[in-house]
Amino acid sequence: MKIKKIGQAHLYYLMLITPIVALAVSSLFEDYHWSVYSSLGLGLVISGNLLAQMKPETLALAYKQAPNGDKETGVRP
């Protein structure tokens, strides 16, 4: 399978970079004009991809350290 040859780490970077490259190419060759909404959307896509790449343990730790969270269960009131 190709995923084993490439490696997961490289695929994560590819997933992160793809929207940036696609919009850059579209800006150059298809006369795409950036707006506030497209910039915000790109930021959301990148943030979502970074969040999807985080380990569950890291997310659980961050959630437990958040203000107003129960230290034992991580559940907020």
Protein backbone atom coordinates (compact mmCIF):
# COMPACT_ATOMS: atom_id res chain seq x y z
CA MET A 1 0.00 0.00 0.00
CA LYS A 2 1.31 3.47 -0.84
CA ILE A 3 0.63 4.88 2.63
CA LYS A 4 3.23 2.57 4.12
CA LYS A 5 5.79 3.64 1.52
CA ILE A 6 5.22 7.37 1.98
CA GLY A 7 4.63 7.34 5.72
CA GLN A 8 1.89 8.92 7.75
CA ALA A 9 3.90 11.97 8.77
CA HIS A 10 4.40 13.00 5.15
CA LEU A 11 0.72 12.47 4.39
CA TYR A 12 -0.26 14.77 7.24
CA TYR A 13 1.91 17.53 5.82
CA LEU A 14 0.43 16.93 2.39
CA MET A 15 -3.08 17.22 3.83
CA LEU A 16 -2.11 20.50 5.50
CA ILE A 17 -0.46 22.04 2.44
CA THR A 18 -2.99 20.98 -0.23
CA PRO A 19 -5.58 23.75 0.35
CA ILE A 20 -2.86 26.41 0.41
CA VAL A 21 -1.35 25.21 -2.86
CA ALA A 22 -4.76 24.84 -4.49
CA LEU A 23 -5.77 28.41 -3.67
CA ALA A 24 -2.36 29.77 -4.67
CA VAL A 25 -2.56 28.04 -8.07
CA SER A 26 -6.13 29.25 -8.49
CA SER A 27 -5.01 32.81 -7.70
CA LEU A 28 -2.24 32.66 -10.28
CA PHE A 29 -3.92 30.87 -13.16
CA GLU A 30 -7.67 31.32 -12.70
CA ASP A 31 -7.71 34.97 -11.59
CA TYR A 32 -9.12 34.10 -8.17
CA HIS A 33 -9.50 37.14 -5.92
CA TRP A 34 -9.07 36.70 -2.18
CA SER A 35 -11.64 38.08 0.21
CA VAL A 36 -11.94 38.21 3.97
CA TYR A 37 -14.21 35.16 3.86
CA SER A 38 -11.84 33.07 1.77
CA SER A 39 -8.96 33.96 4.09
CA LEU A 40 -11.03 33.02 7.14
CA GLY A 41 -12.10 29.81 5.42
CA LEU A 42 -8.51 28.88 4.66
CA GLY A 43 -7.63 29.54 8.30
CA LEU A 44 -10.45 27.26 9.41
CA VAL A 45 -9.36 24.50 7.02
CA ILE A 46 -5.76 24.68 8.24
CA SER A 47 -6.90 24.76 11.89
CA GLY A 48 -9.16 21.77 11.32
CA ASN A 49 -6.38 19.81 9.64
CA LEU A 50 -3.99 20.59 12.50
CA LEU A 51 -6.63 19.58 15.03
CA ALA A 52 -7.28 16.34 13.16
CA GLN A 53 -3.57 15.52 13.27
CA MET A 54 -3.25 15.93 17.04
CA LYS A 55 -3.02 12.85 19.20
CA PRO A 56 -6.12 12.11 21.33
CA GLU A 57 -3.97 12.15 24.47
CA THR A 58 -2.84 15.70 23.72
CA LEU A 59 -6.40 16.86 23.18
CA ALA A 60 -7.56 15.21 26.41
CA LEU A 61 -4.74 16.85 28.35
CA ALA A 62 -5.56 20.27 26.89
CA TYR A 63 -9.23 19.77 27.69
CA LYS A 64 -8.48 18.86 31.30
CA GLN A 65 -6.25 21.91 31.74
CA ALA A 66 -8.89 24.27 30.37
CA PRO A 67 -10.52 26.64 32.88
CA ASN A 68 -13.75 25.42 34.50
CA GLY A 69 -12.95 21.80 33.72
CA ASP A 70 -13.12 18.98 36.24
CA LYS A 71 -9.54 17.81 36.77
CA GLU A 72 -10.47 14.16 37.21
CA THR A 73 -13.00 13.63 34.46
CA GLY A 74 -12.34 16.61 32.21
CA VAL A 75 -16.07 17.31 32.08
CA ARG A 76 -17.17 20.90 32.20
CA PRO A 77 -20.20 21.94 34.24
